[in-house]
Amino acid sequence: MSEMNAAEMRKKSTANQHKVAVANLEQFINRTNEIITSKANDGHFSYITPVPGDPLWNDFKLTKSLVNYYKDRGFQVSVIDLLLSVTLKISWLEEEEELHD
């Protein structure tokens, strides 16, 4: 039986946190992109999604990364921060247009 100790597990966990955070962000973006495509196909101009609130997501500031990802691609992004939950509204309307989904 191999020996295992807490220090080794902390080291392993710390080393893998960034990799896990990036994978979580990529999965979230991929799924959100699928939903945005579906919403656009249905004639909608925005999508509202809750943002994960787990510690790893917050530690690596993935909400900011998510906002930047969509803004860099021409989307309008609003962050709605209510007590313990964060929601994003991602819109693909032209700035002068005002339609309500």
N, C-alpha and C. Protein backbone atom coordinates (compact mmCIF):
# COMPACT_ATOMS: atom_id res chain seq x y z
N MET A 1 0.85 -1.18 0.00
CA MET A 1 0.00 0.00 0.00
C MET A 1 0.89 1.24 0.00
N SER A 2 0.63 2.17 -0.90
CA SER A 2 1.46 3.37 -0.97
C SER A 2 1.07 4.37 0.12
N GLU A 3 2.07 5.09 0.57
CA GLU A 3 1.84 6.10 1.60
C GLU A 3 1.26 7.36 0.96
N MET A 4 0.36 7.98 1.69
CA MET A 4 -0.28 9.20 1.21
C MET A 4 -0.32 10.17 2.38
N ASN A 5 -0.11 11.47 2.12
CA ASN A 5 -0.21 12.43 3.20
C ASN A 5 -0.87 13.72 2.72
N ALA A 6 -1.31 14.51 3.66
CA ALA A 6 -2.06 15.73 3.37
C ALA A 6 -1.23 16.74 2.59
N ALA A 7 0.05 16.86 2.92
CA ALA A 7 0.90 17.83 2.23
C ALA A 7 0.99 17.51 0.74
N GLU A 8 1.12 16.25 0.39
CA GLU A 8 1.16 15.85 -1.02
C GLU A 8 -0.15 16.17 -1.72
N MET A 9 -1.25 15.93 -1.04
CA MET A 9 -2.56 16.18 -1.64
C MET A 9 -2.79 17.68 -1.82
N ARG A 10 -2.36 18.51 -0.87
CA ARG A 10 -2.46 19.98 -1.02
C ARG A 10 -1.66 20.44 -2.22
N LYS A 11 -0.43 19.91 -2.34
CA LYS A 11 0.43 20.28 -3.47
C LYS A 11 -0.22 19.89 -4.79
N LYS A 12 -0.77 18.70 -4.85
CA LYS A 12 -1.43 18.21 -6.06
C LYS A 12 -2.66 19.07 -6.39
N SER A 13 -3.46 19.37 -5.38
CA SER A 13 -4.67 20.18 -5.58
C SER A 13 -4.32 21.58 -6.08
N THR A 14 -3.32 22.19 -5.45
CA THR A 14 -2.89 23.54 -5.85
C THR A 14 -2.39 23.53 -7.29
N ALA A 15 -1.62 22.54 -7.65
CA ALA A 15 -1.06 22.45 -9.00
C ALA A 15 -2.15 22.29 -10.05
N ASN A 16 -3.25 21.65 -9.70
CA ASN A 16 -4.30 21.37 -10.67
C ASN A 16 -5.41 22.42 -10.71
N GLN A 17 -5.45 23.33 -9.75
CA GLN A 17 -6.54 24.30 -9.70
C GLN A 17 -6.69 25.11 -10.98
N HIS A 18 -5.59 25.65 -11.48
CA HIS A 18 -5.69 26.49 -12.68
C HIS A 18 -6.19 25.69 -13.87
N LYS A 19 -5.69 24.47 -14.01
CA LYS A 19 -6.11 23.60 -15.11
C LYS A 19 -7.62 23.32 -15.03
N VAL A 20 -8.10 23.05 -13.83
CA VAL A 20 -9.53 22.78 -13.64
C VAL A 20 -10.35 24.04 -13.92
N ALA A 21 -9.86 25.19 -13.44
CA ALA A 21 -10.58 26.45 -13.66
C ALA A 21 -10.70 26.76 -15.16
N VAL A 22 -9.63 26.59 -15.90
CA VAL A 22 -9.65 26.83 -17.35
C VAL A 22 -10.60 25.86 -18.04
N ALA A 23 -10.58 24.61 -17.64
CA ALA A 23 -11.50 23.63 -18.24
C ALA A 23 -12.95 23.99 -17.94
N ASN A 24 -13.23 24.43 -16.72
CA ASN A 24 -14.60 24.85 -16.36
C ASN A 24 -15.04 26.03 -17.21
N LEU A 25 -14.15 27.00 -17.38
CA LEU A 25 -14.47 28.18 -18.20
C LEU A 25 -14.75 27.77 -19.64
N GLU A 26 -13.91 26.92 -20.20
CA GLU A 26 -14.10 26.47 -21.58
C GLU A 26 -15.42 25.73 -21.75
N GLN A 27 -15.78 24.86 -20.80
CA GLN A 27 -17.06 24.16 -20.87
C GLN A 27 -18.22 25.13 -20.80
N PHE A 28 -18.12 26.11 -19.91
CA PHE A 28 -19.19 27.10 -19.76
C PHE A 28 -19.37 27.90 -21.05
N ILE A 29 -18.26 28.33 -21.64
CA ILE A 29 -18.31 29.10 -22.89
C ILE A 29 -18.90 28.26 -24.02
N ASN A 30 -18.45 27.02 -24.15
CA ASN A 30 -18.97 26.16 -25.22
C ASN A 30 -20.47 25.97 -25.10
N ARG A 31 -20.94 25.70 -23.90
CA ARG A 31 -22.38 25.50 -23.68
C ARG A 31 -23.14 26.79 -23.93
N THR A 32 -22.60 27.91 -23.44
CA THR A 32 -23.25 29.21 -23.65
C THR A 32 -23.31 29.54 -25.13
N ASN A 33 -22.25 29.25 -25.87
CA ASN A 33 -22.25 29.51 -27.32
C ASN A 33 -23.34 28.70 -28.02
N GLU A 34 -23.52 27.45 -27.60
CA GLU A 34 -24.59 26.63 -28.18
C GLU A 34 -25.96 27.25 -27.91
N ILE A 35 -26.16 27.72 -26.69
CA ILE A 35 -27.45 28.31 -26.33
C ILE A 35 -27.67 29.62 -27.07
N ILE A 36 -26.63 30.44 -27.19
CA ILE A 36 -26.75 31.71 -27.93
C ILE A 36 -27.14 31.44 -29.38
N THR A 37 -26.51 30.45 -29.99
CA THR A 37 -26.85 30.09 -31.37
C THR A 37 -28.31 29.67 -31.47
N SER A 38 -28.75 28.87 -30.54
CA SER A 38 -30.14 28.42 -30.51
C SER A 38 -31.09 29.60 -30.32
N LYS A 39 -30.74 30.49 -29.39
CA LYS A 39 -31.58 31.68 -29.15
C LYS A 39 -31.66 32.55 -30.40
N ALA A 40 -30.53 32.76 -31.07
CA ALA A 40 -30.52 33.56 -32.29
C ALA A 40 -31.36 32.90 -33.38
N ASN A 41 -31.27 31.58 -33.50
CA ASN A 41 -32.09 30.85 -34.47
C ASN A 41 -33.58 31.00 -34.18
N ASP A 42 -33.92 31.19 -32.90
CA ASP A 42 -35.32 31.36 -32.50
C ASP A 42 -35.78 32.82 -32.55
N GLY A 43 -34.89 33.73 -32.98
CA GLY A 43 -35.26 35.13 -33.13
C GLY A 43 -35.03 35.99 -31.91
N HIS A 44 -34.34 35.48 -30.91
CA HIS A 44 -34.03 36.27 -29.71
C HIS A 44 -32.75 37.08 -29.94
N PHE A 45 -32.57 38.14 -29.14
CA PHE A 45 -31.41 39.00 -29.27
C PHE A 45 -30.56 39.05 -28.00
N SER A 46 -30.88 38.21 -27.02
CA SER A 46 -30.07 38.18 -25.81
C SER A 46 -30.27 36.84 -25.09
N TYR A 47 -29.37 36.60 -24.17
CA TYR A 47 -29.43 35.39 -23.36
C TYR A 47 -28.98 35.75 -21.95
N ILE A 48 -29.74 35.32 -20.97
CA ILE A 48 -29.40 35.56 -19.57
C ILE A 48 -29.01 34.24 -18.95
N THR A 49 -27.85 34.21 -18.30
CA THR A 49 -27.35 32.97 -17.71
C THR A 49 -26.79 33.21 -16.32
N PRO A 50 -27.08 32.31 -15.40
CA PRO A 50 -26.43 32.40 -14.10
C PRO A 50 -24.97 31.99 -14.23
N VAL A 51 -24.13 32.58 -13.40
CA VAL A 51 -22.71 32.29 -13.40
C VAL A 51 -22.41 31.38 -12.20
N PRO A 52 -21.56 30.37 -12.41
CA PRO A 52 -21.22 29.52 -11.26
C PRO A 52 -20.65 30.34 -10.11
N GLY A 53 -20.98 29.94 -8.91
CA GLY A 53 -20.51 30.67 -7.73
C GLY A 53 -19.55 29.87 -6.88
N ASP A 54 -18.94 28.85 -7.46
CA ASP A 54 -18.04 28.03 -6.65
C ASP A 54 -16.72 28.77 -6.38
N PRO A 55 -16.03 28.41 -5.32
CA PRO A 55 -14.81 29.13 -4.93
C PRO A 55 -13.75 29.18 -6.03
N LEU A 56 -13.57 28.09 -6.76
CA LEU A 56 -12.56 28.06 -7.81
C LEU A 56 -12.88 29.09 -8.89
N TRP A 57 -14.16 29.20 -9.26
CA TRP A 57 -14.61 30.17 -10.26
C TRP A 57 -14.27 31.58 -9.78
N ASN A 58 -14.54 31.84 -8.49
CA ASN A 58 -14.29 33.17 -7.93
C ASN A 58 -12.80 33.44 -7.75
N ASP A 59 -12.04 32.44 -7.31
CA ASP A 59 -10.60 32.61 -7.08
C ASP A 59 -9.87 33.02 -8.36
N PHE A 60 -10.28 32.46 -9.47
CA PHE A 60 -9.61 32.75 -10.74
C PHE A 60 -10.33 33.84 -11.55
N LYS A 61 -11.31 34.50 -10.92
CA LYS A 61 -12.03 35.62 -11.54
C LYS A 61 -12.54 35.25 -12.94
N LEU A 62 -13.19 34.11 -13.02
CA LEU A 62 -13.65 33.61 -14.32
C LEU A 62 -14.83 34.40 -14.86
N THR A 63 -15.59 35.07 -13.99
CA THR A 63 -16.68 35.91 -14.50
C THR A 63 -16.09 37.03 -15.34
N LYS A 64 -15.02 37.64 -14.88
CA LYS A 64 -14.36 38.70 -15.65
C LYS A 64 -13.84 38.15 -16.98
N SER A 65 -13.27 36.96 -16.95
CA SER A 65 -12.78 36.33 -18.18
C SER A 65 -13.92 36.08 -19.15
N LEU A 66 -15.06 35.66 -18.61
CA LEU A 66 -16.24 35.40 -19.43
C LEU A 66 -16.75 36.69 -20.07
N VAL A 67 -16.85 37.74 -19.29
CA VAL A 67 -17.29 39.05 -19.81
C VAL A 67 -16.35 39.50 -20.92
N ASN A 68 -15.05 39.42 -20.68
CA ASN A 68 -14.07 39.84 -21.70
C ASN A 68 -14.18 38.99 -22.97
N TYR A 69 -14.40 37.70 -22.82
CA TYR A 69 -14.53 36.80 -23.97
C TYR A 69 -15.64 37.28 -24.90
N TYR A 70 -16.81 37.57 -24.32
CA TYR A 70 -17.95 37.98 -25.15
C TYR A 70 -17.83 39.42 -25.64
N LYS A 71 -17.32 40.33 -24.82
CA LYS A 71 -17.12 41.71 -25.27
C LYS A 71 -16.12 41.78 -26.42
N ASP A 72 -15.06 40.98 -26.34
CA ASP A 72 -14.05 40.95 -27.40
C ASP A 72 -14.63 40.47 -28.73
N ARG A 73 -15.78 39.80 -28.67
CA ARG A 73 -16.42 39.28 -29.88
C ARG A 73 -17.62 40.12 -30.30
N GLY A 74 -17.76 41.32 -29.72
CA GLY A 74 -18.78 42.26 -30.14
C GLY A 74 -20.11 42.18 -29.42
N PHE A 75 -20.22 41.33 -28.42
CA PHE A 75 -21.46 41.22 -27.65
C PHE A 75 -21.49 42.31 -26.58
N GLN A 76 -22.71 42.69 -26.22
CA GLN A 76 -22.89 43.56 -25.06
C GLN A 76 -23.12 42.64 -23.87
N VAL A 77 -22.44 42.91 -22.76
CA VAL A 77 -22.55 42.05 -21.59
C VAL A 77 -22.84 42.91 -20.36
N SER A 78 -23.90 42.53 -19.65
CA SER A 78 -24.23 43.18 -18.38
C SER A 78 -24.09 42.16 -17.27
N VAL A 79 -23.47 42.58 -16.18
CA VAL A 79 -23.31 41.72 -15.01
C VAL A 79 -24.34 42.16 -13.98
N ILE A 80 -25.18 41.23 -13.57
CA ILE A 80 -26.20 41.50 -12.58
C ILE A 80 -25.79 40.74 -11.31
N ASP A 81 -25.40 41.48 -10.30
CA ASP A 81 -24.89 40.89 -9.06
C ASP A 81 -25.90 41.11 -7.95
N LEU A 82 -26.63 40.07 -7.60
CA LEU A 82 -27.64 40.14 -6.56
C LEU A 82 -27.26 39.24 -5.40
N LEU A 83 -26.92 39.82 -4.29
CA LEU A 83 -26.55 39.09 -3.07
C LEU A 83 -25.61 37.93 -3.34
N LEU A 84 -26.14 36.73 -3.41
CA LEU A 84 -25.29 35.55 -3.54
C LEU A 84 -25.27 34.97 -4.95
N SER A 85 -25.87 35.65 -5.90
CA SER A 85 -25.87 35.11 -7.26
C SER A 85 -25.46 36.18 -8.27
N VAL A 86 -24.75 35.73 -9.28
CA VAL A 86 -24.32 36.61 -10.37
C VAL A 86 -24.93 36.06 -11.66
N THR A 87 -25.50 36.97 -12.44
CA THR A 87 -26.11 36.61 -13.71
C THR A 87 -25.52 37.49 -14.79
N LEU A 88 -25.35 36.93 -15.98
CA LEU A 88 -24.90 37.71 -17.13
C LEU A 88 -26.02 37.82 -18.15
N LYS A 89 -26.15 39.01 -18.71
CA LYS A 89 -27.03 39.19 -19.86
C LYS A 89 -26.11 39.45 -21.05
N ILE A 90 -26.17 38.55 -22.01
CA ILE A 90 -25.34 38.65 -23.21
C ILE A 90 -26.27 39.01 -24.36
N SER A 91 -25.98 40.13 -25.01
CA SER A 91 -26.86 40.64 -26.06
C SER A 91 -26.08 40.81 -27.36
N TRP A 92 -26.76 40.60 -28.48
CA TRP A 92 -26.13 40.78 -29.78
C TRP A 92 -26.91 41.78 -30.62
N LEU A 93 -27.61 42.68 -29.96
CA LEU A 93 -28.30 43.77 -30.64
C LEU A 93 -27.29 44.84 -31.03
N GLU A 94 -27.60 45.59 -32.09
CA GLU A 94 -26.81 46.78 -32.39
C GLU A 94 -27.07 47.77 -31.27
N GLU A 95 -26.13 48.63 -30.97
CA GLU A 95 -26.26 49.53 -29.82
C GLU A 95 -27.47 50.44 -29.89
N GLU A 96 -27.83 50.90 -31.08
CA GLU A 96 -28.96 51.82 -31.18
C GLU A 96 -30.32 51.11 -31.16
N GLU A 97 -30.32 49.81 -31.32
CA GLU A 97 -31.57 49.05 -31.30
C GLU A 97 -32.01 48.79 -29.86
N GLU A 98 -33.30 48.76 -29.64
CA GLU A 98 -33.82 48.41 -28.32
C GLU A 98 -35.01 47.51 -28.47
N LEU A 99 -34.78 46.24 -28.44
CA LEU A 99 -35.86 45.26 -28.44
C LEU A 99 -35.84 44.55 -27.11
N HIS A 100 -36.98 44.10 -26.66
CA HIS A 100 -37.03 43.39 -25.39
C HIS A 100 -37.35 41.93 -25.66
N ASP A 101 -36.45 41.05 -25.22
CA ASP A 101 -36.67 39.60 -25.38
C ASP A 101 -37.64 39.11 -24.34
